[in-house]
Amino acid sequence: MSHGEYRRVAQASSVPVGRMIEVATDAGAIVICHTSDGWFALQDICTHAYAKLHEGRLRGIRLICPLHGASFDCRTGAVLGPPATMPLKSYAVRVTDDQVEVTLDAV
């Protein structure tokens, strides 16, 4: 799969609002977050210390790391709380015919 192309990674109806899932892509693991603000896709590994973010918590738009509690805005990847200081990569995501699709071009 080349960059710029969307790839189906999940069935939208299987991810309720307020939940997230991990998906494997050519760019590595991505966490898909479904919030009341929409769908968002980010790198699944915390920028502070190696931890899988999909194993953490999603509170509104706040994605909280399970290891040290760093938090990120799932809409943009921006850091909302320490100890992380670097943002997460975010990816374009769309839902078409109940299919969640992502592109590997970081936004």
PDB file of N, CA and C in Angstrom:
ATOM      1  N   MET A   1       0.839  -1.180   0.000  1.00  0.00           N
ATOM      2  CA  MET A   1       0.000   0.000   0.000  1.00  0.00           C
ATOM      3  C   MET A   1       0.883   1.242   0.000  1.00  0.00           C
ATOM      4  N   SER A   2       0.626   2.137  -0.890  1.00  0.00           N
ATOM      5  CA  SER A   2       1.423   3.359  -0.935  1.00  0.00           C
ATOM      6  C   SER A   2       0.751   4.445  -0.111  1.00  0.00           C
ATOM      7  N   HIS A   3       1.535   5.440   0.237  1.00  0.00           N
ATOM      8  CA  HIS A   3       1.000   6.565   0.995  1.00  0.00           C
ATOM      9  C   HIS A   3      -0.046   7.276   0.149  1.00  0.00           C
ATOM     10  N   GLY A   4      -1.016   7.890   0.790  1.00  0.00           N
ATOM     11  CA  GLY A   4      -2.058   8.612   0.079  1.00  0.00           C
ATOM     12  C   GLY A   4      -3.290   7.774  -0.200  1.00  0.00           C
ATOM     13  N   GLU A   5      -3.135   6.467  -0.217  1.00  0.00           N
ATOM     14  CA  GLU A   5      -4.275   5.579  -0.445  1.00  0.00           C
ATOM     15  C   GLU A   5      -4.925   5.244   0.881  1.00  0.00           C
ATOM     16  N   TYR A   6      -6.246   5.172   0.870  1.00  0.00           N
ATOM     17  CA  TYR A   6      -6.955   4.750   2.082  1.00  0.00           C
ATOM     18  C   TYR A   6      -7.013   3.231   2.123  1.00  0.00           C
ATOM     19  N   ARG A   7      -6.902   2.697   3.324  1.00  0.00           N
ATOM     20  CA  ARG A   7      -6.936   1.251   3.540  1.00  0.00           C
ATOM     21  C   ARG A   7      -8.001   0.945   4.592  1.00  0.00           C
ATOM     22  N   ARG A   8      -8.820  -0.036   4.309  1.00  0.00           N
ATOM     23  CA  ARG A   8      -9.825  -0.455   5.285  1.00  0.00           C
ATOM     24  C   ARG A   8      -9.133  -1.130   6.453  1.00  0.00           C
ATOM     25  N   VAL A   9      -9.490  -0.699   7.666  1.00  0.00           N
ATOM     26  CA  VAL A   9      -8.833  -1.269   8.842  1.00  0.00           C
ATOM     27  C   VAL A   9      -9.805  -1.800   9.881  1.00  0.00           C
ATOM     28  N   ALA A  10     -11.077  -1.426   9.791  1.00  0.00           N
ATOM     29  CA  ALA A  10     -12.037  -1.880  10.797  1.00  0.00           C
ATOM     30  C   ALA A  10     -13.460  -1.660  10.301  1.00  0.00           C
ATOM     31  N   GLN A  11     -14.383  -2.333  10.964  1.00  0.00           N
ATOM     32  CA  GLN A  11     -15.800  -2.124  10.699  1.00  0.00           C
ATOM     33  C   GLN A  11     -16.291  -1.080  11.698  1.00  0.00           C
ATOM     34  N   ALA A  12     -16.832   0.021  11.201  1.00  0.00           N
ATOM     35  CA  ALA A  12     -17.228   1.136  12.055  1.00  0.00           C
ATOM     36  C   ALA A  12     -18.242   0.718  13.115  1.00  0.00           C
ATOM     37  N   SER A  13     -19.187  -0.109  12.752  1.00  0.00           N
ATOM     38  CA  SER A  13     -20.231  -0.504  13.698  1.00  0.00           C
ATOM     39  C   SER A  13     -19.695  -1.339  14.859  1.00  0.00           C
ATOM     40  N   SER A  14     -18.455  -1.819  14.762  1.00  0.00           N
ATOM     41  CA  SER A  14     -17.881  -2.614  15.853  1.00  0.00           C
ATOM     42  C   SER A  14     -17.102  -1.758  16.856  1.00  0.00           C
ATOM     43  N   VAL A  15     -17.040  -0.432  16.612  1.00  0.00           N
ATOM     44  CA  VAL A  15     -16.312   0.471  17.514  1.00  0.00           C
ATOM     45  C   VAL A  15     -17.271   1.572  17.973  1.00  0.00           C
ATOM     46  N   PRO A  16     -17.929   1.376  19.118  1.00  0.00           N
ATOM     47  CA  PRO A  16     -18.880   2.375  19.590  1.00  0.00           C
ATOM     48  C   PRO A  16     -18.203   3.685  19.994  1.00  0.00           C
ATOM     49  N   VAL A  17     -18.976   4.755  20.075  1.00  0.00           N
ATOM     50  CA  VAL A  17     -18.468   6.048  20.538  1.00  0.00           C
ATOM     51  C   VAL A  17     -17.859   5.861  21.930  1.00  0.00           C
ATOM     52  N   GLY A  18     -16.687   6.461  22.125  1.00  0.00           N
ATOM     53  CA  GLY A  18     -16.003   6.364  23.408  1.00  0.00           C
ATOM     54  C   GLY A  18     -15.034   5.196  23.484  1.00  0.00           C
ATOM     55  N   ARG A  19     -14.884   4.465  22.395  1.00  0.00           N
ATOM     56  CA  ARG A  19     -13.990   3.303  22.371  1.00  0.00           C
ATOM     57  C   ARG A  19     -12.859   3.528  21.372  1.00  0.00           C
ATOM     58  N   MET A  20     -11.854   2.678  21.457  1.00  0.00           N
ATOM     59  CA  MET A  20     -10.729   2.727  20.523  1.00  0.00           C
ATOM     60  C   MET A  20     -10.235   1.316  20.279  1.00  0.00           C
ATOM     61  N   ILE A  21      -9.553   1.156  19.150  1.00  0.00           N
ATOM     62  CA  ILE A  21      -8.986  -0.139  18.788  1.00  0.00           C
ATOM     63  C   ILE A  21      -7.603   0.073  18.187  1.00  0.00           C
ATOM     64  N   GLU A  22      -6.807  -0.973  18.225  1.00  0.00           N
ATOM     65  CA  GLU A  22      -5.495  -0.967  17.573  1.00  0.00           C
ATOM     66  C   GLU A  22      -5.636  -1.655  16.229  1.00  0.00           C
ATOM     67  N   VAL A  23      -5.004  -1.089  15.204  1.00  0.00           N
ATOM     68  CA  VAL A  23      -4.956  -1.737  13.892  1.00  0.00           C
ATOM     69  C   VAL A  23      -3.508  -1.753  13.419  1.00  0.00           C
ATOM     70  N   ALA A  24      -3.147  -2.810  12.693  1.00  0.00           N
ATOM     71  CA  ALA A  24      -1.796  -2.936  12.143  1.00  0.00           C
ATOM     72  C   ALA A  24      -1.778  -2.364  10.736  1.00  0.00           C
ATOM     73  N   THR A  25      -0.766  -1.558  10.438  1.00  0.00           N
ATOM     74  CA  THR A  25      -0.609  -0.995   9.095  1.00  0.00           C
ATOM     75  C   THR A  25       0.859  -1.093   8.696  1.00  0.00           C
ATOM     76  N   ASP A  26       1.141  -0.730   7.457  1.00  0.00           N
ATOM     77  CA  ASP A  26       2.528  -0.703   6.991  1.00  0.00           C
ATOM     78  C   ASP A  26       3.360   0.328   7.754  1.00  0.00           C
ATOM     79  N   ALA A  27       2.703   1.318   8.347  1.00  0.00           N
ATOM     80  CA  ALA A  27       3.401   2.355   9.120  1.00  0.00           C
ATOM     81  C   ALA A  27       3.521   1.970  10.589  1.00  0.00           C
ATOM     82  N   GLY A  28       3.095   0.771  10.944  1.00  0.00           N
ATOM     83  CA  GLY A  28       3.121   0.337  12.331  1.00  0.00           C
ATOM     84  C   GLY A  28       1.725   0.365  12.927  1.00  0.00           C
ATOM     85  N   ALA A  29       1.657   0.176  14.229  1.00  0.00           N
ATOM     86  CA  ALA A  29       0.365   0.136  14.912  1.00  0.00           C
ATOM     87  C   ALA A  29      -0.243   1.531  14.986  1.00  0.00           C
ATOM     88  N   ILE A  30      -1.533   1.595  14.709  1.00  0.00           N
ATOM     89  CA  ILE A  30      -2.297   2.842  14.778  1.00  0.00           C
ATOM     90  C   ILE A  30      -3.474   2.600  15.701  1.00  0.00           C
ATOM     91  N   VAL A  31      -3.787   3.603  16.535  1.00  0.00           N
ATOM     92  CA  VAL A  31      -4.969   3.530  17.380  1.00  0.00           C
ATOM     93  C   VAL A  31      -6.069   4.344  16.706  1.00  0.00           C
ATOM     94  N   ILE A  32      -7.226   3.728  16.547  1.00  0.00           N
ATOM     95  CA  ILE A  32      -8.402   4.389  15.979  1.00  0.00           C
ATOM     96  C   ILE A  32      -9.310   4.761  17.147  1.00  0.00           C
ATOM     97  N   CYS A  33      -9.614   6.043  17.277  1.00  0.00           N
ATOM     98  CA  CYS A  33     -10.472   6.529  18.361  1.00  0.00           C
ATOM     99  C   CYS A  33     -11.799   6.990  17.780  1.00  0.00           C
ATOM    100  N   HIS A  34     -12.894   6.544  18.379  1.00  0.00           N
ATOM    101  CA  HIS A  34     -14.229   6.972  17.966  1.00  0.00           C
ATOM    102  C   HIS A  34     -14.805   7.812  19.105  1.00  0.00           C
ATOM    103  N   THR A  35     -14.911   9.121  18.879  1.00  0.00           N
ATOM    104  CA  THR A  35     -15.426  10.033  19.895  1.00  0.00           C
ATOM    105  C   THR A  35     -16.698  10.691  19.385  1.00  0.00           C
ATOM    106  N   SER A  36     -17.351  11.446  20.256  1.00  0.00           N
ATOM    107  CA  SER A  36     -18.535  12.185  19.817  1.00  0.00           C
ATOM    108  C   SER A  36     -18.154  13.264  18.805  1.00  0.00           C
ATOM    109  N   ASP A  37     -16.857  13.610  18.724  1.00  0.00           N
ATOM    110  CA  ASP A  37     -16.366  14.570  17.728  1.00  0.00           C
ATOM    111  C   ASP A  37     -16.042  13.902  16.396  1.00  0.00           C
ATOM    112  N   GLY A  38     -16.056  12.564  16.343  1.00  0.00           N
ATOM    113  CA  GLY A  38     -15.769  11.855  15.101  1.00  0.00           C
ATOM    114  C   GLY A  38     -14.727  10.763  15.286  1.00  0.00           C
ATOM    115  N   TRP A  39     -14.100  10.402  14.172  1.00  0.00           N
ATOM    116  CA  TRP A  39     -13.098   9.330  14.117  1.00  0.00           C
ATOM    117  C   TRP A  39     -11.709   9.937  13.971  1.00  0.00           C
ATOM    118  N   PHE A  40     -10.727   9.362  14.696  1.00  0.00           N
ATOM    119  CA  PHE A  40      -9.365   9.868  14.652  1.00  0.00           C
ATOM    120  C   PHE A  40      -8.384   8.699  14.667  1.00  0.00           C
ATOM    121  N   ALA A  41      -7.236   8.888  14.009  1.00  0.00           N
ATOM    122  CA  ALA A  41      -6.222   7.840  13.912  1.00  0.00           C
ATOM    123  C   ALA A  41      -4.869   8.433  14.291  1.00  0.00           C
ATOM    124  N   LEU A  42      -4.175   7.739  15.192  1.00  0.00           N
ATOM    125  CA  LEU A  42      -2.892   8.218  15.709  1.00  0.00           C
ATOM    126  C   LEU A  42      -1.922   7.056  15.843  1.00  0.00           C
ATOM    127  N   GLN A  43      -0.631   7.386  15.934  1.00  0.00           N
ATOM    128  CA  GLN A  43       0.333   6.330  16.236  1.00  0.00           C
ATOM    129  C   GLN A  43      -0.056   5.731  17.579  1.00  0.00           C
ATOM    130  N   ASP A  44       0.113   4.432  17.724  1.00  0.00           N
ATOM    131  CA  ASP A  44      -0.356   3.741  18.928  1.00  0.00           C
ATOM    132  C   ASP A  44       0.681   3.701  20.036  1.00  0.00           C
ATOM    133  N   ILE A  45       1.897   4.164  19.778  1.00  0.00           N
ATOM    134  CA  ILE A  45       2.963   4.114  20.783  1.00  0.00           C
ATOM    135  C   ILE A  45       3.190   5.509  21.356  1.00  0.00           C
ATOM    136  N   CYS A  46       3.168   5.609  22.680  1.00  0.00           N
ATOM    137  CA  CYS A  46       3.365   6.884  23.371  1.00  0.00           C
ATOM    138  C   CYS A  46       4.739   7.467  23.019  1.00  0.00           C
ATOM    139  N   THR A  47       4.801   8.795  22.911  1.00  0.00           N
ATOM    140  CA  THR A  47       6.074   9.454  22.583  1.00  0.00           C
ATOM    141  C   THR A  47       6.966   9.622  23.814  1.00  0.00           C
ATOM    142  N   HIS A  48       6.457   9.331  24.991  1.00  0.00           N
ATOM    143  CA  HIS A  48       7.267   9.454  26.214  1.00  0.00           C
ATOM    144  C   HIS A  48       8.038   8.169  26.522  1.00  0.00           C
ATOM    145  N   ALA A  49       7.329   7.072  26.577  1.00  0.00           N
ATOM    146  CA  ALA A  49       7.943   5.773  26.872  1.00  0.00           C
ATOM    147  C   ALA A  49       7.130   4.727  26.129  1.00  0.00           C
ATOM    148  N   TYR A  50       7.745   3.606  25.816  1.00  0.00           N
ATOM    149  CA  TYR A  50       7.067   2.599  25.007  1.00  0.00           C
ATOM    150  C   TYR A  50       5.850   2.050  25.747  1.00  0.00           C
ATOM    151  N   ALA A  51       4.688   2.422  25.259  1.00  0.00           N
ATOM    152  CA  ALA A  51       3.428   1.900  25.796  1.00  0.00           C
ATOM    153  C   ALA A  51       2.403   1.976  24.682  1.00  0.00           C
ATOM    154  N   LYS A  52       1.536   0.985  24.613  1.00  0.00           N
ATOM    155  CA  LYS A  52       0.485   0.948  23.594  1.00  0.00           C
ATOM    156  C   LYS A  52      -0.711   1.766  24.086  1.00  0.00           C
ATOM    157  N   LEU A  53      -0.980   2.843  23.382  1.00  0.00           N
ATOM    158  CA  LEU A  53      -2.019   3.770  23.823  1.00  0.00           C
ATOM    159  C   LEU A  53      -3.413   3.158  23.799  1.00  0.00           C
ATOM    160  N   HIS A  54      -3.652   2.205  22.905  1.00  0.00           N
ATOM    161  CA  HIS A  54      -4.997   1.596  22.868  1.00  0.00           C
ATOM    162  C   HIS A  54      -5.294   0.819  24.148  1.00  0.00           C
ATOM    163  N   GLU A  55      -4.260   0.549  24.950  1.00  0.00           N
ATOM    164  CA  GLU A  55      -4.465  -0.124  26.229  1.00  0.00           C
ATOM    165  C   GLU A  55      -4.758   0.877  27.351  1.00  0.00           C
ATOM    166  N   GLY A  56      -4.726   2.168  27.017  1.00  0.00           N
ATOM    167  CA  GLY A  56      -5.001   3.221  27.996  1.00  0.00           C
ATOM    168  C   GLY A  56      -6.489   3.545  28.038  1.00  0.00           C
ATOM    169  N   ARG A  57      -6.791   4.821  28.275  1.00  0.00           N
ATOM    170  CA  ARG A  57      -8.183   5.255  28.396  1.00  0.00           C
ATOM    171  C   ARG A  57      -8.477   6.372  27.402  1.00  0.00           C
ATOM    172  N   LEU A  58      -9.712   6.442  26.981  1.00  0.00           N
ATOM    173  CA  LEU A  58     -10.193   7.517  26.121  1.00  0.00           C
ATOM    174  C   LEU A  58     -11.279   8.241  26.900  1.00  0.00           C
ATOM    175  N   ARG A  59     -11.027   9.490  27.254  1.00  0.00           N
ATOM    176  CA  ARG A  59     -11.986  10.307  28.004  1.00  0.00           C
ATOM    177  C   ARG A  59     -12.327  11.524  27.161  1.00  0.00           C
ATOM    178  N   GLY A  60     -13.451  11.472  26.482  1.00  0.00           N
ATOM    179  CA  GLY A  60     -13.793  12.547  25.550  1.00  0.00           C
ATOM    180  C   GLY A  60     -12.804  12.525  24.404  1.00  0.00           C
ATOM    181  N   ILE A  61     -12.042  13.614  24.249  1.00  0.00           N
ATOM    182  CA  ILE A  61     -11.007  13.670  23.202  1.00  0.00           C
ATOM    183  C   ILE A  61      -9.621  13.407  23.780  1.00  0.00           C
ATOM    184  N   ARG A  62      -9.544  13.117  25.082  1.00  0.00           N
ATOM    185  CA  ARG A  62      -8.263  12.898  25.764  1.00  0.00           C
ATOM    186  C   ARG A  62      -7.894  11.421  25.743  1.00  0.00           C
ATOM    187  N   LEU A  63      -6.753  11.125  25.108  1.00  0.00           N
ATOM    188  CA  LEU A  63      -6.206   9.767  25.050  1.00  0.00           C
ATOM    189  C   LEU A  63      -5.120   9.678  26.119  1.00  0.00           C
ATOM    190  N   ILE A  64      -5.295   8.773  27.081  1.00  0.00           N
ATOM    191  CA  ILE A  64      -4.412   8.704  28.244  1.00  0.00           C
ATOM    192  C   ILE A  64      -3.567   7.437  28.193  1.00  0.00           C
ATOM    193  N   CYS A  65      -2.262   7.618  28.285  1.00  0.00           N
ATOM    194  CA  CYS A  65      -1.309   6.505  28.232  1.00  0.00           C
ATOM    195  C   CYS A  65      -1.440   5.630  29.479  1.00  0.00           C
ATOM    196  N   PRO A  66      -1.418   4.298  29.294  1.00  0.00           N
ATOM    197  CA  PRO A  66      -1.562   3.401  30.439  1.00  0.00           C
ATOM    198  C   PRO A  66      -0.317   3.322  31.323  1.00  0.00           C
ATOM    199  N   LEU A  67       0.831   3.773  30.831  1.00  0.00           N
ATOM    200  CA  LEU A  67       2.078   3.585  31.583  1.00  0.00           C
ATOM    201  C   LEU A  67       2.325   4.701  32.606  1.00  0.00           C
ATOM    202  N   HIS A  68       2.415   5.944  32.144  1.00  0.00           N
ATOM    203  CA  HIS A  68       2.729   7.061  33.046  1.00  0.00           C
ATOM    204  C   HIS A  68       1.653   8.147  33.055  1.00  0.00           C
ATOM    205  N   GLY A  69       0.556   7.941  32.318  1.00  0.00           N
ATOM    206  CA  GLY A  69      -0.541   8.898  32.361  1.00  0.00           C
ATOM    207  C   GLY A  69      -0.409  10.110  31.456  1.00  0.00           C
ATOM    208  N   ALA A  70       0.566  10.105  30.551  1.00  0.00           N
ATOM    209  CA  ALA A  70       0.641  11.207  29.586  1.00  0.00           C
ATOM    210  C   ALA A  70      -0.675  11.258  28.827  1.00  0.00           C
ATOM    211  N   SER A  71      -1.092  12.451  28.422  1.00  0.00           N
ATOM    212  CA  SER A  71      -2.353  12.524  27.686  1.00  0.00           C
ATOM    213  C   SER A  71      -2.193  13.352  26.418  1.00  0.00           C
ATOM    214  N   PHE A  72      -3.007  12.982  25.430  1.00  0.00           N
ATOM    215  CA  PHE A  72      -2.935  13.567  24.100  1.00  0.00           C
ATOM    216  C   PHE A  72      -4.337  13.898  23.610  1.00  0.00           C
ATOM    217  N   ASP A  73      -4.427  14.915  22.754  1.00  0.00           N
ATOM    218  CA  ASP A  73      -5.678  15.245  22.086  1.00  0.00           C
ATOM    219  C   ASP A  73      -5.815  14.275  20.915  1.00  0.00           C
ATOM    220  N   CYS A  74      -6.804  13.399  20.944  1.00  0.00           N
ATOM    221  CA  CYS A  74      -6.904  12.387  19.888  1.00  0.00           C
ATOM    222  C   CYS A  74      -7.275  13.003  18.543  1.00  0.00           C
ATOM    223  N   ARG A  75      -7.736  14.253  18.517  1.00  0.00           N
ATOM    224  CA  ARG A  75      -8.085  14.901  17.242  1.00  0.00           C
ATOM    225  C   ARG A  75      -6.849  15.351  16.483  1.00  0.00           C
ATOM    226  N   THR A  76      -5.776  15.706  17.223  1.00  0.00           N
ATOM    227  CA  THR A  76      -4.589  16.284  16.589  1.00  0.00           C
ATOM    228  C   THR A  76      -3.286  15.595  16.955  1.00  0.00           C
ATOM    229  N   GLY A  77      -3.273  14.838  18.054  1.00  0.00           N
ATOM    230  CA  GLY A  77      -2.044  14.243  18.556  1.00  0.00           C
ATOM    231  C   GLY A  77      -1.289  15.145  19.506  1.00  0.00           C
ATOM    232  N   ALA A  78      -1.781  16.383  19.736  1.00  0.00           N
ATOM    233  CA  ALA A  78      -1.097  17.339  20.610  1.00  0.00           C
ATOM    234  C   ALA A  78      -1.041  16.815  22.045  1.00  0.00           C
ATOM    235  N   VAL A  79       0.050  17.147  22.729  1.00  0.00           N
ATOM    236  CA  VAL A  79       0.220  16.765  24.134  1.00  0.00           C
ATOM    237  C   VAL A  79      -0.712  17.620  24.988  1.00  0.00           C
ATOM    238  N   LEU A  80      -1.478  16.968  25.861  1.00  0.00           N
ATOM    239  CA  LEU A  80      -2.357  17.672  26.797  1.00  0.00           C
ATOM    240  C   LEU A  80      -1.835  17.590  28.232  1.00  0.00           C
ATOM    241  N   GLY A  81      -0.998  16.581  28.508  1.00  0.00           N
ATOM    242  CA  GLY A  81      -0.489  16.436  29.868  1.00  0.00           C
ATOM    243  C   GLY A  81       0.797  15.645  29.908  1.00  0.00           C
ATOM    244  N   PRO A  82       1.687  15.985  30.874  1.00  0.00           N
ATOM    245  CA  PRO A  82       2.974  15.303  31.003  1.00  0.00           C
ATOM    246  C   PRO A  82       2.800  13.857  31.463  1.00  0.00           C
ATOM    247  N   PRO A  83       3.865  13.063  31.355  1.00  0.00           N
ATOM    248  CA  PRO A  83       5.242  13.467  31.088  1.00  0.00           C
ATOM    249  C   PRO A  83       5.612  13.572  29.607  1.00  0.00           C
ATOM    250  N   ALA A  84       4.718  13.275  28.683  1.00  0.00           N
ATOM    251  CA  ALA A  84       5.054  13.409  27.256  1.00  0.00           C
ATOM    252  C   ALA A  84       5.262  14.880  26.904  1.00  0.00           C
ATOM    253  N   THR A  85       6.182  15.124  25.973  1.00  0.00           N
ATOM    254  CA  THR A  85       6.415  16.483  25.495  1.00  0.00           C
ATOM    255  C   THR A  85       6.301  16.560  23.970  1.00  0.00           C
ATOM    256  N   MET A  86       6.329  15.408  23.303  1.00  0.00           N
ATOM    257  CA  MET A  86       6.242  15.378  21.841  1.00  0.00           C
ATOM    258  C   MET A  86       4.871  14.857  21.418  1.00  0.00           C
ATOM    259  N   PRO A  87       4.264  15.475  20.398  1.00  0.00           N
ATOM    260  CA  PRO A  87       2.942  15.036  19.942  1.00  0.00           C
ATOM    261  C   PRO A  87       2.999  13.683  19.241  1.00  0.00           C
ATOM    262  N   LEU A  88       1.840  13.088  19.098  1.00  0.00           N
ATOM    263  CA  LEU A  88       1.699  11.845  18.340  1.00  0.00           C
ATOM    264  C   LEU A  88       1.511  12.167  16.871  1.00  0.00           C
ATOM    265  N   LYS A  89       1.946  11.261  15.993  1.00  0.00           N
ATOM    266  CA  LYS A  89       1.612  11.380  14.577  1.00  0.00           C
ATOM    267  C   LYS A  89       0.128  11.089  14.440  1.00  0.00           C
ATOM    268  N   SER A  90      -0.539  11.863  13.598  1.00  0.00           N
ATOM    269  CA  SER A  90      -1.950  11.579  13.341  1.00  0.00           C
ATOM    270  C   SER A  90      -2.115  11.297  11.856  1.00  0.00           C
ATOM    271  N   TYR A  91      -3.158  10.565  11.544  1.00  0.00           N
ATOM    272  CA  TYR A  91      -3.391  10.106  10.177  1.00  0.00           C
ATOM    273  C   TYR A  91      -4.819  10.434   9.761  1.00  0.00           C
ATOM    274  N   ALA A  92      -4.996  10.653   8.464  1.00  0.00           N
ATOM    275  CA  ALA A  92      -6.338  10.910   7.945  1.00  0.00           C
ATOM    276  C   ALA A  92      -7.168   9.639   8.076  1.00  0.00           C
ATOM    277  N   VAL A  93      -8.405   9.813   8.488  1.00  0.00           N
ATOM    278  CA  VAL A  93      -9.311   8.673   8.659  1.00  0.00           C
ATOM    279  C   VAL A  93     -10.678   9.070   8.118  1.00  0.00           C
ATOM    280  N   ARG A  94     -11.369   8.121   7.557  1.00  0.00           N
ATOM    281  CA  ARG A  94     -12.725   8.349   7.062  1.00  0.00           C
ATOM    282  C   ARG A  94     -13.529   7.076   7.242  1.00  0.00           C
ATOM    283  N   VAL A  95     -14.845   7.227   7.234  1.00  0.00           N
ATOM    284  CA  VAL A  95     -15.740   6.077   7.318  1.00  0.00           C
ATOM    285  C   VAL A  95     -16.620   6.084   6.081  1.00  0.00           C
ATOM    286  N   THR A  96     -16.578   4.971   5.353  1.00  0.00           N
ATOM    287  CA  THR A  96     -17.360   4.810   4.133  1.00  0.00           C
ATOM    288  C   THR A  96     -18.054   3.455   4.193  1.00  0.00           C
ATOM    289  N   ASP A  97     -19.382   3.468   4.061  1.00  0.00           N
ATOM    290  CA  ASP A  97     -20.143   2.209   4.064  1.00  0.00           C
ATOM    291  C   ASP A  97     -19.749   1.292   5.218  1.00  0.00           C
ATOM    292  N   ASP A  98     -19.712   1.841   6.433  1.00  0.00           N
ATOM    293  CA  ASP A  98     -19.401   1.102   7.656  1.00  0.00           C
ATOM    294  C   ASP A  98     -17.960   0.600   7.712  1.00  0.00           C
ATOM    295  N   GLN A  99     -17.091   1.083   6.837  1.00  0.00           N
ATOM    296  CA  GLN A  99     -15.672   0.705   6.862  1.00  0.00           C
ATOM    297  C   GLN A  99     -14.843   1.895   7.327  1.00  0.00           C
ATOM    298  N   VAL A 100     -14.026   1.679   8.362  1.00  0.00           N
ATOM    299  CA  VAL A 100     -13.079   2.705   8.800  1.00  0.00           C
ATOM    300  C   VAL A 100     -11.846   2.554   7.916  1.00  0.00           C
ATOM    301  N   GLU A 101     -11.427   3.661   7.326  1.00  0.00           N
ATOM    302  CA  GLU A 101     -10.269   3.659   6.428  1.00  0.00           C
ATOM    303  C   GLU A 101      -9.270   4.712   6.879  1.00  0.00           C
ATOM    304  N   VAL A 102      -7.978   4.384   6.781  1.00  0.00           N
ATOM    305  CA  VAL A 102      -6.917   5.331   7.114  1.00  0.00           C
ATOM    306  C   VAL A 102      -5.938   5.414   5.958  1.00  0.00           C
ATOM    307  N   THR A 103      -5.229   6.538   5.914  1.00  0.00           N
ATOM    308  CA  THR A 103      -4.113   6.679   4.987  1.00  0.00           C
ATOM    309  C   THR A 103      -2.849   6.815   5.819  1.00  0.00           C
ATOM    310  N   LEU A 104      -1.736   6.358   5.311  1.00  0.00           N
ATOM    311  CA  LEU A 104      -0.497   6.367   6.068  1.00  0.00           C
ATOM    312  C   LEU A 104       0.261   7.681   5.976  1.00  0.00           C
ATOM    313  N   ASP A 105      -0.319   8.664   5.310  1.00  0.00           N
ATOM    314  CA  ASP A 105       0.292   9.989   5.281  1.00  0.00           C
ATOM    315  C   ASP A 105       0.012  10.674   6.608  1.00  0.00           C
ATOM    316  N   ALA A 106       1.052  10.965   7.384  1.00  0.00           N
ATOM    317  CA  ALA A 106       0.848  11.667   8.644  1.00  0.00           C
ATOM    318  C   ALA A 106       0.325  13.069   8.344  1.00  0.00           C
ATOM    319  N   VAL A 107      -0.620  13.524   9.151  1.00  0.00           N
ATOM    320  CA  VAL A 107      -1.228  14.839   8.930  1.00  0.00           C
ATOM    321  C   VAL A 107      -0.461  15.889   9.687  1.00  0.00           C
TER     322      VAL A 107
END
